[in-house]
Amino acid sequence: MREIVENYHADAIGSFRNYKNMAGRAIEQIADEDFFALIDAEANSIALVVKHVAGNLLSRWTDFLTSDGEKNFRDRDSEFELIGDSRESLMQFWESGWETLFANVAPLTAEDFSRNVTIRGQQHTVVEAIKRQMTHYAYHVGQIVLLAKHLRSAEWKTLSNAKNRSAEFKQFLADTRRDGP
């Protein structure tokens, strides 16, 4: 059982890193005006999604095992407003949030996975809490990627297997395996 927990722990950390990196690779491709662009009156900009995810990261992962994941310092509604925010300040907030996640998830022990944590007054196992947040971040990273791809259009550099190039990608993978260790 310990091995299963350790594998899940490592996989969760890897998944969180992949989500962060995917969003980062999308954000790198857009100019400041696109970072703040709204595609319609009801949409969130990439900047607002970044701000919201950062706020959620800080709230959920600060004192993860010992306090409710919805912290008193969080003002969720303001995460959907730009109030003196710059791209630089929002990206610093984003990095701080992810650093908080990794600083609190990486040191978890197998024994910690038998504990319960609270989010918005509801009890969750540690696995449920991690899964809940992983799903939430995947959803928002997908939004960031979709918006960045839409805004970059023909200049978009794919983050995965390029459209209409699956055969080429399969060959690349086969060559990599053949030339590998």
C-alpha atoms as a PDB file:
ATOM      1  CA  MET A   1       0.000   0.000   0.000  1.00  0.00           C
ATOM      2  CA  ARG A   2       2.837   2.387   0.830  1.00  0.00           C
ATOM      3  CA  GLU A   3       4.200   1.991  -2.703  1.00  0.00           C
ATOM      4  CA  ILE A   4       0.797   2.866  -4.198  1.00  0.00           C
ATOM      5  CA  VAL A   5       0.605   6.019  -2.074  1.00  0.00           C
ATOM      6  CA  GLU A   6       4.161   7.005  -2.999  1.00  0.00           C
ATOM      7  CA  ASN A   7       3.409   6.449  -6.694  1.00  0.00           C
ATOM      8  CA  TYR A   8       0.250   8.547  -6.454  1.00  0.00           C
ATOM      9  CA  HIS A   9       2.163  11.291  -4.638  1.00  0.00           C
ATOM     10  CA  ALA A  10       4.886  11.392  -7.295  1.00  0.00           C
ATOM     11  CA  ASP A  11       2.314  11.305 -10.090  1.00  0.00           C
ATOM     12  CA  ALA A  12       0.317  14.152  -8.520  1.00  0.00           C
ATOM     13  CA  ILE A  13       3.410  16.341  -8.250  1.00  0.00           C
ATOM     14  CA  GLY A  14       4.312  15.508 -11.858  1.00  0.00           C
ATOM     15  CA  SER A  15       0.797  16.353 -13.043  1.00  0.00           C
ATOM     16  CA  PHE A  16       0.800  19.683 -11.208  1.00  0.00           C
ATOM     17  CA  ARG A  17       4.191  20.513 -12.778  1.00  0.00           C
ATOM     18  CA  ASN A  18       2.872  19.584 -16.224  1.00  0.00           C
ATOM     19  CA  TYR A  19      -0.171  21.852 -15.815  1.00  0.00           C
ATOM     20  CA  LYS A  20       1.988  24.745 -14.642  1.00  0.00           C
ATOM     21  CA  ASN A  21       4.438  24.239 -17.507  1.00  0.00           C
ATOM     22  CA  MET A  22       1.698  23.941 -20.130  1.00  0.00           C
ATOM     23  CA  ALA A  23       0.101  27.181 -18.983  1.00  0.00           C
ATOM     24  CA  GLY A  24       3.516  28.850 -18.883  1.00  0.00           C
ATOM     25  CA  ARG A  25       4.328  27.767 -22.444  1.00  0.00           C
ATOM     26  CA  ALA A  26       1.000  29.190 -23.633  1.00  0.00           C
ATOM     27  CA  ILE A  27       1.392  32.455 -21.713  1.00  0.00           C
ATOM     28  CA  GLU A  28       4.915  32.940 -23.105  1.00  0.00           C
ATOM     29  CA  GLN A  29       3.463  33.090 -26.604  1.00  0.00           C
ATOM     30  CA  ILE A  30       1.159  36.039 -26.022  1.00  0.00           C
ATOM     31  CA  ALA A  31       1.788  39.758 -25.910  1.00  0.00           C
ATOM     32  CA  ASP A  32       0.668  41.916 -23.002  1.00  0.00           C
ATOM     33  CA  GLU A  33      -2.432  43.145 -24.835  1.00  0.00           C
ATOM     34  CA  ASP A  34      -3.498  39.538 -25.412  1.00  0.00           C
ATOM     35  CA  PHE A  35      -2.783  38.647 -21.768  1.00  0.00           C
ATOM     36  CA  PHE A  36      -5.483  41.154 -20.773  1.00  0.00           C
ATOM     37  CA  ALA A  37      -7.783  40.671 -23.809  1.00  0.00           C
ATOM     38  CA  LEU A  38     -11.416  39.659 -23.390  1.00  0.00           C
ATOM     39  CA  ILE A  39     -12.941  37.649 -26.224  1.00  0.00           C
ATOM     40  CA  ASP A  40     -16.418  38.783 -25.151  1.00  0.00           C
ATOM     41  CA  ALA A  41     -18.099  40.736 -22.355  1.00  0.00           C
ATOM     42  CA  GLU A  42     -18.682  37.643 -20.193  1.00  0.00           C
ATOM     43  CA  ALA A  43     -15.268  36.032 -20.717  1.00  0.00           C
ATOM     44  CA  ASN A  44     -12.264  36.054 -18.443  1.00  0.00           C
ATOM     45  CA  SER A  45      -8.929  37.149 -19.830  1.00  0.00           C
ATOM     46  CA  ILE A  46      -5.830  35.031 -19.362  1.00  0.00           C
ATOM     47  CA  ALA A  47      -4.794  37.605 -16.750  1.00  0.00           C
ATOM     48  CA  LEU A  48      -7.962  36.964 -14.733  1.00  0.00           C
ATOM     49  CA  VAL A  49      -7.593  33.189 -14.963  1.00  0.00           C
ATOM     50  CA  VAL A  50      -3.979  33.522 -13.784  1.00  0.00           C
ATOM     51  CA  LYS A  51      -5.101  35.720 -10.884  1.00  0.00           C
ATOM     52  CA  HIS A  52      -7.869  33.320  -9.891  1.00  0.00           C
ATOM     53  CA  VAL A  53      -5.661  30.220 -10.034  1.00  0.00           C
ATOM     54  CA  ALA A  54      -2.951  31.981  -8.025  1.00  0.00           C
ATOM     55  CA  GLY A  55      -5.464  32.990  -5.352  1.00  0.00           C
ATOM     56  CA  ASN A  56      -6.804  29.461  -5.218  1.00  0.00           C
ATOM     57  CA  LEU A  57      -3.306  27.964  -4.979  1.00  0.00           C
ATOM     58  CA  LEU A  58      -2.359  30.197  -2.064  1.00  0.00           C
ATOM     59  CA  SER A  59      -5.621  29.568  -0.256  1.00  0.00           C
ATOM     60  CA  ARG A  60      -5.766  25.812  -0.720  1.00  0.00           C
ATOM     61  CA  TRP A  61      -2.142  24.936  -0.087  1.00  0.00           C
ATOM     62  CA  THR A  62      -1.108  27.305   2.712  1.00  0.00           C
ATOM     63  CA  ASP A  63      -1.161  25.155   5.865  1.00  0.00           C
ATOM     64  CA  PHE A  64      -2.801  22.435   3.771  1.00  0.00           C
ATOM     65  CA  LEU A  65      -2.988  19.801   6.499  1.00  0.00           C
ATOM     66  CA  THR A  66      -3.953  22.062   9.379  1.00  0.00           C
ATOM     67  CA  SER A  67      -6.399  24.748   8.237  1.00  0.00           C
ATOM     68  CA  ASP A  68      -9.434  25.087   6.001  1.00  0.00           C
ATOM     69  CA  GLY A  69      -8.429  25.485   2.354  1.00  0.00           C
ATOM     70  CA  GLU A  70     -10.632  28.550   2.004  1.00  0.00           C
ATOM     71  CA  LYS A  71      -8.501  31.090   3.881  1.00  0.00           C
ATOM     72  CA  ASN A  72      -9.749  34.295   5.450  1.00  0.00           C
ATOM     73  CA  PHE A  73      -7.112  36.260   3.499  1.00  0.00           C
ATOM     74  CA  ARG A  74      -8.651  35.232   0.174  1.00  0.00           C
ATOM     75  CA  ASP A  75     -11.076  37.544  -1.613  1.00  0.00           C
ATOM     76  CA  ARG A  76     -12.185  35.281  -4.446  1.00  0.00           C
ATOM     77  CA  ASP A  77     -14.455  37.867  -6.071  1.00  0.00           C
ATOM     78  CA  SER A  78     -11.542  40.295  -6.512  1.00  0.00           C
ATOM     79  CA  GLU A  79      -9.662  37.592  -8.425  1.00  0.00           C
ATOM     80  CA  PHE A  80     -11.974  38.388 -11.330  1.00  0.00           C
ATOM     81  CA  GLU A  81     -11.183  42.108 -11.341  1.00  0.00           C
ATOM     82  CA  LEU A  82      -8.062  43.857 -12.516  1.00  0.00           C
ATOM     83  CA  ILE A  83      -7.202  46.363  -9.814  1.00  0.00           C
ATOM     84  CA  GLY A  84      -3.813  47.892 -10.539  1.00  0.00           C
ATOM     85  CA  ASP A  85      -2.546  44.527 -11.771  1.00  0.00           C
ATOM     86  CA  SER A  86       0.264  44.246 -14.290  1.00  0.00           C
ATOM     87  CA  ARG A  87       1.367  41.177 -16.170  1.00  0.00           C
ATOM     88  CA  GLU A  88       4.493  41.117 -14.035  1.00  0.00           C
ATOM     89  CA  SER A  89       2.602  41.353 -10.731  1.00  0.00           C
ATOM     90  CA  LEU A  90       0.121  38.670 -11.783  1.00  0.00           C
ATOM     91  CA  MET A  91       2.884  36.324 -12.902  1.00  0.00           C
ATOM     92  CA  GLN A  92       4.662  36.845  -9.566  1.00  0.00           C
ATOM     93  CA  PHE A  93       1.386  36.008  -7.797  1.00  0.00           C
ATOM     94  CA  TRP A  94       1.062  32.905 -10.027  1.00  0.00           C
ATOM     95  CA  GLU A  95       4.598  31.759  -9.183  1.00  0.00           C
ATOM     96  CA  SER A  96       3.994  32.328  -5.475  1.00  0.00           C
ATOM     97  CA  GLY A  97       0.880  30.185  -5.640  1.00  0.00           C
ATOM     98  CA  TRP A  98       2.622  27.314  -7.391  1.00  0.00           C
ATOM     99  CA  GLU A  99       5.582  27.547  -4.996  1.00  0.00           C
ATOM    100  CA  THR A 100       3.105  27.220  -2.115  1.00  0.00           C
ATOM    101  CA  LEU A 101       1.565  24.128  -3.686  1.00  0.00           C
ATOM    102  CA  PHE A 102       4.901  22.391  -4.228  1.00  0.00           C
ATOM    103  CA  ALA A 103       6.216  23.396  -0.791  1.00  0.00           C
ATOM    104  CA  ASN A 104       3.196  21.764   0.837  1.00  0.00           C
ATOM    105  CA  VAL A 105       2.610  18.750  -1.417  1.00  0.00           C
ATOM    106  CA  ALA A 106       6.195  17.588  -1.927  1.00  0.00           C
ATOM    107  CA  PRO A 107       6.907  16.841   1.762  1.00  0.00           C
ATOM    108  CA  LEU A 108       3.703  14.863   2.329  1.00  0.00           C
ATOM    109  CA  THR A 109       4.406  11.447   3.810  1.00  0.00           C
ATOM    110  CA  ALA A 110       2.579   8.195   3.196  1.00  0.00           C
ATOM    111  CA  GLU A 111       1.020   8.654   6.639  1.00  0.00           C
ATOM    112  CA  ASP A 112      -0.298  12.096   5.638  1.00  0.00           C
ATOM    113  CA  PHE A 113      -2.410  10.407   2.978  1.00  0.00           C
ATOM    114  CA  SER A 114      -4.495   8.770   5.701  1.00  0.00           C
ATOM    115  CA  ARG A 115      -5.485  12.203   7.045  1.00  0.00           C
ATOM    116  CA  ASN A 116      -8.482  14.372   6.298  1.00  0.00           C
ATOM    117  CA  VAL A 117      -8.360  18.048   5.378  1.00  0.00           C
ATOM    118  CA  THR A 118     -11.081  20.674   5.212  1.00  0.00           C
ATOM    119  CA  ILE A 119     -12.033  22.772   2.192  1.00  0.00           C
ATOM    120  CA  ARG A 120     -14.887  25.243   2.645  1.00  0.00           C
ATOM    121  CA  GLY A 121     -15.947  23.391   5.791  1.00  0.00           C
ATOM    122  CA  GLN A 122     -16.155  20.006   4.030  1.00  0.00           C
ATOM    123  CA  GLN A 123     -13.953  17.074   4.967  1.00  0.00           C
ATOM    124  CA  HIS A 124     -11.832  15.503   2.233  1.00  0.00           C
ATOM    125  CA  THR A 125      -9.201  12.809   2.302  1.00  0.00           C
ATOM    126  CA  VAL A 126      -5.824  14.121   1.199  1.00  0.00           C
ATOM    127  CA  VAL A 127      -6.268  12.177  -2.055  1.00  0.00           C
ATOM    128  CA  GLU A 128      -9.693  13.759  -2.632  1.00  0.00           C
ATOM    129  CA  ALA A 129      -8.321  17.234  -1.927  1.00  0.00           C
ATOM    130  CA  ILE A 130      -5.413  16.742  -4.338  1.00  0.00           C
ATOM    131  CA  LYS A 131      -7.723  15.328  -7.011  1.00  0.00           C
ATOM    132  CA  ARG A 132     -10.172  18.199  -6.515  1.00  0.00           C
ATOM    133  CA  GLN A 133      -7.453  20.786  -7.065  1.00  0.00           C
ATOM    134  CA  MET A 134      -5.819  18.895  -9.907  1.00  0.00           C
ATOM    135  CA  THR A 135      -9.138  18.872 -11.760  1.00  0.00           C
ATOM    136  CA  HIS A 136      -9.668  22.562 -11.037  1.00  0.00           C
ATOM    137  CA  TYR A 137      -6.222  23.542 -12.320  1.00  0.00           C
ATOM    138  CA  ALA A 138      -6.525  21.341 -15.423  1.00  0.00           C
ATOM    139  CA  TYR A 139      -9.804  23.107 -16.245  1.00  0.00           C
ATOM    140  CA  HIS A 140      -8.235  26.559 -15.968  1.00  0.00           C
ATOM    141  CA  VAL A 141      -5.027  25.612 -17.751  1.00  0.00           C
ATOM    142  CA  GLY A 142      -7.227  24.416 -20.609  1.00  0.00           C
ATOM    143  CA  GLN A 143      -8.865  27.853 -20.651  1.00  0.00           C
ATOM    144  CA  ILE A 144      -5.470  29.574 -20.742  1.00  0.00           C
ATOM    145  CA  VAL A 145      -4.289  27.375 -23.612  1.00  0.00           C
ATOM    146  CA  LEU A 146      -7.509  27.825 -25.588  1.00  0.00           C
ATOM    147  CA  LEU A 147      -7.433  31.602 -25.176  1.00  0.00           C
ATOM    148  CA  ALA A 148      -3.736  31.844 -26.045  1.00  0.00           C
ATOM    149  CA  LYS A 149      -4.192  29.631 -29.099  1.00  0.00           C
ATOM    150  CA  HIS A 150      -7.214  31.664 -30.222  1.00  0.00           C
ATOM    151  CA  LEU A 151      -5.393  34.967 -29.751  1.00  0.00           C
ATOM    152  CA  ARG A 152      -2.199  33.783 -31.493  1.00  0.00           C
ATOM    153  CA  SER A 153      -4.085  32.107 -34.338  1.00  0.00           C
ATOM    154  CA  ALA A 154      -1.672  31.162 -37.155  1.00  0.00           C
ATOM    155  CA  GLU A 155       1.356  32.166 -35.045  1.00  0.00           C
ATOM    156  CA  TRP A 156       0.482  29.621 -32.327  1.00  0.00           C
ATOM    157  CA  LYS A 157       3.230  27.118 -31.563  1.00  0.00           C
ATOM    158  CA  THR A 158       1.562  23.883 -30.531  1.00  0.00           C
ATOM    159  CA  LEU A 159       2.178  22.490 -27.062  1.00  0.00           C
ATOM    160  CA  SER A 160       1.612  18.900 -28.141  1.00  0.00           C
ATOM    161  CA  ASN A 161       1.081  16.870 -31.280  1.00  0.00           C
ATOM    162  CA  ALA A 162       0.509  19.323 -34.122  1.00  0.00           C
ATOM    163  CA  LYS A 163      -2.761  19.227 -36.045  1.00  0.00           C
ATOM    164  CA  ASN A 164      -2.553  17.063 -39.199  1.00  0.00           C
ATOM    165  CA  ARG A 165       0.922  15.821 -38.225  1.00  0.00           C
ATOM    166  CA  SER A 166       0.117  12.681 -36.238  1.00  0.00           C
ATOM    167  CA  ALA A 167       2.007  10.346 -38.552  1.00  0.00           C
ATOM    168  CA  GLU A 168       5.114  12.525 -38.300  1.00  0.00           C
ATOM    169  CA  PHE A 169       4.797  12.565 -34.506  1.00  0.00           C
ATOM    170  CA  LYS A 170       4.393   8.768 -34.354  1.00  0.00           C
ATOM    171  CA  GLN A 171       7.554   8.413 -36.434  1.00  0.00           C
ATOM    172  CA  PHE A 172       9.394  10.801 -34.098  1.00  0.00           C
ATOM    173  CA  LEU A 173       8.355   8.668 -31.113  1.00  0.00           C
ATOM    174  CA  ALA A 174       9.425   5.467 -32.876  1.00  0.00           C
ATOM    175  CA  ASP A 175      12.797   6.996 -33.777  1.00  0.00           C
ATOM    176  CA  THR A 176      13.250   8.238 -30.209  1.00  0.00           C
ATOM    177  CA  ARG A 177      12.567   4.768 -28.782  1.00  0.00           C
ATOM    178  CA  ARG A 178      14.911   3.176 -31.311  1.00  0.00           C
ATOM    179  CA  ASP A 179      17.716   5.669 -30.577  1.00  0.00           C
ATOM    180  CA  GLY A 180      17.078   5.685 -26.829  1.00  0.00           C
ATOM    181  CA  PRO A 181      19.024   3.982 -24.049  1.00  0.00           C
END
